Amino acid sequence: MDSDAALARQLQADDPQLQARALELMPLAGMRADAQQTFNLNSEGTNLPGPLGLGVDDFLAKELLAWFKTSFFSWVDVAACQACGNTSTQSSGPAPPNPDEMAHRASRTELYTCPQ
């Protein structure tokens, strides 16, 4: 990816419509409640706003990171075959994205071959 394309992709983060779509996917109310609860538990009995001065927003960032890593993403070590479901596929290396993948802004893909 050249620098102009990389910059254009980075600037998408400033798009209010894309930000709104991202926020719709996040369970923010629950994350905010959990962050507040963690903040309250960690700041009881101290004069600091939280441990080492951490605030509710710091705990919210931790909640967001945990959600992103455990709930939002599905990590795949080996892709299952779309035709038969076999999980013993072998990597065939990188490939250009197909039209559907490009529509979702993929810039690269990995191919897997089913042994059956």
N, C-alpha and C. Protein backbone atom coordinates (compact mmCIF):
# COMPACT_ATOMS: atom_id res chain seq x y z
N MET A 1 0.85 -1.17 0.00
CA MET A 1 0.00 0.00 0.00
C MET A 1 0.90 1.23 0.00
N ASP A 2 0.66 2.15 -0.92
CA ASP A 2 1.49 3.35 -0.98
C ASP A 2 1.07 4.34 0.12
N SER A 3 1.88 5.38 0.31
CA SER A 3 1.64 6.31 1.42
C SER A 3 0.33 7.09 1.25
N ASP A 4 -0.05 7.42 0.01
CA ASP A 4 -1.32 8.14 -0.20
C ASP A 4 -2.51 7.27 0.19
N ALA A 5 -2.46 6.00 -0.19
CA ALA A 5 -3.55 5.09 0.16
C ALA A 5 -3.59 4.86 1.67
N ALA A 6 -2.42 4.77 2.29
CA ALA A 6 -2.37 4.58 3.74
C ALA A 6 -2.94 5.80 4.46
N LEU A 7 -2.61 6.99 3.98
CA LEU A 7 -3.14 8.21 4.58
C LEU A 7 -4.66 8.29 4.41
N ALA A 8 -5.14 7.95 3.23
CA ALA A 8 -6.59 7.98 2.99
C ALA A 8 -7.31 7.01 3.92
N ARG A 9 -6.73 5.84 4.13
CA ARG A 9 -7.34 4.86 5.03
C ARG A 9 -7.33 5.39 6.46
N GLN A 10 -6.23 6.02 6.86
CA GLN A 10 -6.13 6.56 8.21
C GLN A 10 -7.16 7.67 8.44
N LEU A 11 -7.38 8.49 7.43
CA LEU A 11 -8.32 9.61 7.56
C LEU A 11 -9.76 9.14 7.71
N GLN A 12 -10.04 7.90 7.35
CA GLN A 12 -11.39 7.36 7.52
C GLN A 12 -11.80 7.36 8.99
N ALA A 13 -10.83 7.32 9.89
CA ALA A 13 -11.13 7.33 11.32
C ALA A 13 -11.82 8.62 11.73
N ASP A 14 -11.67 9.68 10.96
CA ASP A 14 -12.31 10.96 11.26
C ASP A 14 -13.70 11.09 10.66
N ASP A 15 -14.15 10.09 9.92
CA ASP A 15 -15.45 10.15 9.27
C ASP A 15 -16.57 9.95 10.32
N PRO A 16 -17.42 10.96 10.54
CA PRO A 16 -18.46 10.85 11.56
C PRO A 16 -19.43 9.70 11.32
N GLN A 17 -19.73 9.39 10.06
CA GLN A 17 -20.64 8.27 9.78
C GLN A 17 -20.01 6.94 10.16
N LEU A 18 -18.73 6.77 9.86
CA LEU A 18 -18.05 5.54 10.24
C LEU A 18 -17.90 5.43 11.76
N GLN A 19 -17.66 6.56 12.42
CA GLN A 19 -17.59 6.55 13.87
C GLN A 19 -18.93 6.14 14.48
N ALA A 20 -20.02 6.65 13.92
CA ALA A 20 -21.36 6.31 14.42
C ALA A 20 -21.63 4.82 14.23
N ARG A 21 -21.24 4.28 13.08
CA ARG A 21 -21.42 2.84 12.83
C ARG A 21 -20.63 2.02 13.83
N ALA A 22 -19.42 2.44 14.12
CA ALA A 22 -18.58 1.72 15.08
C ALA A 22 -19.20 1.77 16.47
N LEU A 23 -19.70 2.93 16.86
CA LEU A 23 -20.31 3.07 18.19
C LEU A 23 -21.56 2.20 18.34
N GLU A 24 -22.29 1.99 17.23
CA GLU A 24 -23.48 1.14 17.28
C GLU A 24 -23.14 -0.30 17.61
N LEU A 25 -21.94 -0.74 17.24
CA LEU A 25 -21.52 -2.12 17.49
C LEU A 25 -21.05 -2.35 18.92
N MET A 26 -20.65 -1.29 19.59
CA MET A 26 -20.06 -1.42 20.93
C MET A 26 -21.12 -1.41 22.02
N PRO A 27 -21.01 -2.31 22.98
CA PRO A 27 -21.94 -2.28 24.12
C PRO A 27 -21.47 -1.25 25.15
N LEU A 28 -21.54 0.04 24.75
CA LEU A 28 -20.96 1.11 25.56
C LEU A 28 -21.59 1.25 26.94
N ALA A 29 -22.90 1.08 27.04
CA ALA A 29 -23.56 1.25 28.34
C ALA A 29 -22.99 0.26 29.35
N GLY A 30 -22.85 -0.98 28.93
CA GLY A 30 -22.28 -2.00 29.83
C GLY A 30 -20.82 -1.74 30.15
N MET A 31 -20.08 -1.31 29.14
CA MET A 31 -18.66 -1.02 29.38
C MET A 31 -18.50 0.16 30.32
N ARG A 32 -19.34 1.18 30.16
CA ARG A 32 -19.26 2.34 31.05
C ARG A 32 -19.61 1.95 32.49
N ALA A 33 -20.65 1.13 32.64
CA ALA A 33 -21.04 0.67 33.98
C ALA A 33 -19.92 -0.15 34.62
N ASP A 34 -19.32 -1.05 33.85
CA ASP A 34 -18.22 -1.86 34.37
C ASP A 34 -17.01 -1.00 34.72
N ALA A 35 -16.72 0.00 33.89
CA ALA A 35 -15.60 0.90 34.16
C ALA A 35 -15.85 1.69 35.44
N GLN A 36 -17.07 2.17 35.62
CA GLN A 36 -17.40 2.93 36.83
C GLN A 36 -17.28 2.04 38.06
N GLN A 37 -17.76 0.80 37.96
CA GLN A 37 -17.68 -0.12 39.08
C GLN A 37 -16.22 -0.43 39.42
N THR A 38 -15.41 -0.68 38.42
CA THR A 38 -13.99 -0.95 38.65
C THR A 38 -13.30 0.26 39.26
N PHE A 39 -13.63 1.44 38.75
CA PHE A 39 -13.08 2.67 39.31
C PHE A 39 -13.45 2.79 40.79
N ASN A 40 -14.74 2.58 41.10
CA ASN A 40 -15.20 2.71 42.49
C ASN A 40 -14.49 1.70 43.40
N LEU A 41 -14.35 0.47 42.94
CA LEU A 41 -13.69 -0.56 43.76
C LEU A 41 -12.22 -0.24 43.97
N ASN A 42 -11.57 0.35 42.99
CA ASN A 42 -10.15 0.61 43.08
C ASN A 42 -9.82 1.93 43.74
N SER A 43 -10.80 2.80 43.95
CA SER A 43 -10.50 4.09 44.55
C SER A 43 -11.02 4.22 45.97
N GLU A 44 -11.70 3.19 46.50
CA GLU A 44 -12.23 3.26 47.86
C GLU A 44 -11.08 3.40 48.86
N GLY A 45 -11.25 4.27 49.81
CA GLY A 45 -10.28 4.44 50.87
C GLY A 45 -9.03 5.22 50.48
N THR A 46 -9.03 5.83 49.31
CA THR A 46 -7.87 6.64 48.91
C THR A 46 -8.33 8.04 48.61
N ASN A 47 -7.40 8.95 48.59
CA ASN A 47 -7.71 10.33 48.22
C ASN A 47 -7.45 10.58 46.74
N LEU A 48 -6.99 9.55 46.05
CA LEU A 48 -6.71 9.67 44.62
C LEU A 48 -7.96 9.39 43.84
N PRO A 49 -8.06 9.87 42.61
CA PRO A 49 -9.23 9.56 41.79
C PRO A 49 -9.29 8.09 41.39
N GLY A 50 -8.26 7.35 41.60
CA GLY A 50 -8.18 5.93 41.28
C GLY A 50 -6.78 5.47 41.58
N PRO A 51 -6.48 4.19 41.38
CA PRO A 51 -5.12 3.75 41.65
C PRO A 51 -4.14 4.49 40.75
N LEU A 52 -3.16 5.08 41.35
CA LEU A 52 -2.15 5.85 40.62
C LEU A 52 -2.77 6.96 39.79
N GLY A 53 -3.91 7.46 40.26
CA GLY A 53 -4.54 8.58 39.57
C GLY A 53 -5.36 8.19 38.35
N LEU A 54 -5.69 6.91 38.19
CA LEU A 54 -6.50 6.49 37.05
C LEU A 54 -7.93 6.96 37.22
N GLY A 55 -8.52 7.43 36.15
CA GLY A 55 -9.91 7.88 36.17
C GLY A 55 -10.83 6.87 35.50
N VAL A 56 -12.10 7.17 35.51
CA VAL A 56 -13.11 6.28 34.90
C VAL A 56 -12.79 6.06 33.42
N ASP A 57 -12.36 7.09 32.71
CA ASP A 57 -12.04 6.93 31.28
C ASP A 57 -10.90 5.94 31.04
N ASP A 58 -9.96 5.87 31.99
CA ASP A 58 -8.88 4.90 31.86
C ASP A 58 -9.43 3.48 31.97
N PHE A 59 -10.34 3.28 32.90
CA PHE A 59 -10.95 1.96 33.05
C PHE A 59 -11.86 1.65 31.86
N LEU A 60 -12.50 2.67 31.29
CA LEU A 60 -13.31 2.47 30.09
C LEU A 60 -12.43 2.02 28.93
N ALA A 61 -11.25 2.60 28.81
CA ALA A 61 -10.32 2.18 27.76
C ALA A 61 -9.94 0.72 27.94
N LYS A 62 -9.74 0.29 29.18
CA LYS A 62 -9.42 -1.13 29.44
C LYS A 62 -10.61 -2.03 29.07
N GLU A 63 -11.81 -1.57 29.40
CA GLU A 63 -13.02 -2.35 29.04
C GLU A 63 -13.14 -2.47 27.52
N LEU A 64 -12.89 -1.37 26.81
CA LEU A 64 -12.97 -1.38 25.35
C LEU A 64 -11.94 -2.33 24.76
N LEU A 65 -10.73 -2.30 25.28
CA LEU A 65 -9.68 -3.20 24.79
C LEU A 65 -10.07 -4.66 25.03
N ALA A 66 -10.58 -4.97 26.21
CA ALA A 66 -10.99 -6.34 26.51
C ALA A 66 -12.11 -6.79 25.58
N TRP A 67 -13.10 -5.93 25.35
CA TRP A 67 -14.21 -6.27 24.44
C TRP A 67 -13.68 -6.50 23.03
N PHE A 68 -12.81 -5.60 22.58
CA PHE A 68 -12.28 -5.69 21.22
C PHE A 68 -11.52 -7.00 21.02
N LYS A 69 -10.72 -7.39 22.00
CA LYS A 69 -9.89 -8.58 21.86
C LYS A 69 -10.65 -9.89 22.07
N THR A 70 -11.72 -9.87 22.90
CA THR A 70 -12.38 -11.12 23.25
C THR A 70 -13.75 -11.31 22.61
N SER A 71 -14.47 -10.23 22.34
CA SER A 71 -15.83 -10.37 21.81
C SER A 71 -15.96 -9.93 20.36
N PHE A 72 -15.31 -8.85 20.00
CA PHE A 72 -15.47 -8.31 18.65
C PHE A 72 -14.77 -9.16 17.61
N PHE A 73 -13.55 -9.54 17.88
CA PHE A 73 -12.77 -10.33 16.93
C PHE A 73 -12.97 -11.82 17.15
N SER A 74 -12.88 -12.56 16.09
CA SER A 74 -12.82 -14.02 16.14
C SER A 74 -11.46 -14.40 15.58
N TRP A 75 -10.59 -14.85 16.46
CA TRP A 75 -9.25 -15.23 16.02
C TRP A 75 -9.31 -16.58 15.34
N VAL A 76 -8.62 -16.71 14.23
CA VAL A 76 -8.60 -17.94 13.45
C VAL A 76 -7.16 -18.36 13.23
N ASP A 77 -6.83 -19.56 13.70
CA ASP A 77 -5.50 -20.09 13.44
C ASP A 77 -5.47 -20.79 12.08
N VAL A 78 -6.49 -21.59 11.82
CA VAL A 78 -6.62 -22.28 10.55
C VAL A 78 -8.06 -22.10 10.08
N ALA A 79 -8.22 -21.61 8.88
CA ALA A 79 -9.56 -21.39 8.35
C ALA A 79 -10.23 -22.71 8.01
N ALA A 80 -11.50 -22.84 8.37
CA ALA A 80 -12.27 -24.03 8.01
C ALA A 80 -12.67 -23.94 6.54
N CYS A 81 -12.74 -25.08 5.89
CA CYS A 81 -13.16 -25.14 4.50
C CYS A 81 -14.62 -24.70 4.40
N GLN A 82 -14.91 -23.77 3.49
CA GLN A 82 -16.28 -23.28 3.34
C GLN A 82 -17.19 -24.33 2.71
N ALA A 83 -16.62 -25.29 1.99
CA ALA A 83 -17.43 -26.30 1.33
C ALA A 83 -17.78 -27.47 2.25
N CYS A 84 -16.79 -27.96 3.02
CA CYS A 84 -17.03 -29.16 3.83
C CYS A 84 -16.82 -28.98 5.33
N GLY A 85 -16.26 -27.84 5.74
CA GLY A 85 -16.05 -27.58 7.15
C GLY A 85 -14.76 -28.16 7.72
N ASN A 86 -13.97 -28.82 6.90
CA ASN A 86 -12.71 -29.41 7.34
C ASN A 86 -11.82 -28.34 7.96
N THR A 87 -11.25 -28.63 9.13
CA THR A 87 -10.38 -27.67 9.80
C THR A 87 -8.90 -28.03 9.63
N SER A 88 -8.60 -28.90 8.69
CA SER A 88 -7.20 -29.27 8.41
C SER A 88 -6.71 -28.61 7.13
N THR A 89 -7.22 -27.42 6.86
CA THR A 89 -6.79 -26.72 5.65
C THR A 89 -5.33 -26.28 5.78
N GLN A 90 -4.70 -26.06 4.65
CA GLN A 90 -3.30 -25.64 4.60
C GLN A 90 -3.22 -24.25 3.97
N SER A 91 -2.37 -23.42 4.52
CA SER A 91 -2.19 -22.08 3.96
C SER A 91 -1.58 -22.18 2.56
N SER A 92 -2.16 -21.42 1.64
CA SER A 92 -1.64 -21.34 0.28
C SER A 92 -0.94 -20.00 0.05
N GLY A 93 -0.87 -19.17 1.09
CA GLY A 93 -0.20 -17.89 0.98
C GLY A 93 -1.14 -16.74 0.72
N PRO A 94 -0.58 -15.55 0.54
CA PRO A 94 -1.40 -14.36 0.34
C PRO A 94 -1.97 -14.30 -1.07
N ALA A 95 -3.04 -13.52 -1.20
CA ALA A 95 -3.68 -13.33 -2.50
C ALA A 95 -4.36 -11.97 -2.51
N PRO A 96 -4.59 -11.42 -3.69
CA PRO A 96 -5.35 -10.16 -3.75
C PRO A 96 -6.78 -10.41 -3.26
N PRO A 97 -7.41 -9.42 -2.66
CA PRO A 97 -8.79 -9.61 -2.20
C PRO A 97 -9.76 -9.75 -3.37
N ASN A 98 -10.82 -10.55 -3.15
CA ASN A 98 -11.86 -10.68 -4.17
C ASN A 98 -12.78 -9.46 -4.07
N PRO A 99 -13.72 -9.29 -5.00
CA PRO A 99 -14.58 -8.10 -4.98
C PRO A 99 -15.35 -7.91 -3.68
N ASP A 100 -15.84 -8.99 -3.07
CA ASP A 100 -16.57 -8.86 -1.80
C ASP A 100 -15.64 -8.37 -0.70
N GLU A 101 -14.44 -8.92 -0.65
CA GLU A 101 -13.47 -8.50 0.36
C GLU A 101 -13.06 -7.04 0.15
N MET A 102 -12.90 -6.65 -1.12
CA MET A 102 -12.54 -5.26 -1.42
C MET A 102 -13.67 -4.30 -1.01
N ALA A 103 -14.91 -4.75 -1.15
CA ALA A 103 -16.05 -3.91 -0.75
C ALA A 103 -16.02 -3.63 0.74
N HIS A 104 -15.39 -4.53 1.50
CA HIS A 104 -15.25 -4.34 2.95
C HIS A 104 -13.87 -3.80 3.31
N ARG A 105 -13.19 -3.23 2.31
CA ARG A 105 -11.91 -2.54 2.46
C ARG A 105 -10.74 -3.44 2.82
N ALA A 106 -10.81 -4.71 2.44
CA ALA A 106 -9.66 -5.59 2.65
C ALA A 106 -8.56 -5.19 1.67
N SER A 107 -7.35 -5.20 2.15
CA SER A 107 -6.21 -4.88 1.27
C SER A 107 -5.37 -6.11 0.97
N ARG A 108 -5.58 -7.18 1.74
CA ARG A 108 -4.88 -8.44 1.48
C ARG A 108 -5.69 -9.57 2.10
N THR A 109 -5.51 -10.75 1.58
CA THR A 109 -6.20 -11.93 2.11
C THR A 109 -5.22 -13.09 2.15
N GLU A 110 -5.60 -14.12 2.87
CA GLU A 110 -4.83 -15.35 2.91
C GLU A 110 -5.68 -16.46 2.34
N LEU A 111 -5.10 -17.28 1.50
CA LEU A 111 -5.80 -18.41 0.91
C LEU A 111 -5.46 -19.69 1.66
N TYR A 112 -6.46 -20.57 1.77
CA TYR A 112 -6.27 -21.88 2.38
C TYR A 112 -6.80 -22.92 1.42
N THR A 113 -6.15 -24.08 1.38
CA THR A 113 -6.56 -25.18 0.51
C THR A 113 -7.02 -26.35 1.36
N CYS A 114 -8.16 -26.93 0.98
CA CYS A 114 -8.70 -28.08 1.70
C CYS A 114 -8.04 -29.34 1.16
N PRO A 115 -7.61 -30.24 2.03
CA PRO A 115 -6.97 -31.47 1.55
C PRO A 115 -7.95 -32.49 0.99
N GLN A 116 -9.23 -32.26 1.15
CA GLN A 116 -10.21 -33.24 0.67
C GLN A 116 -10.77 -32.86 -0.68
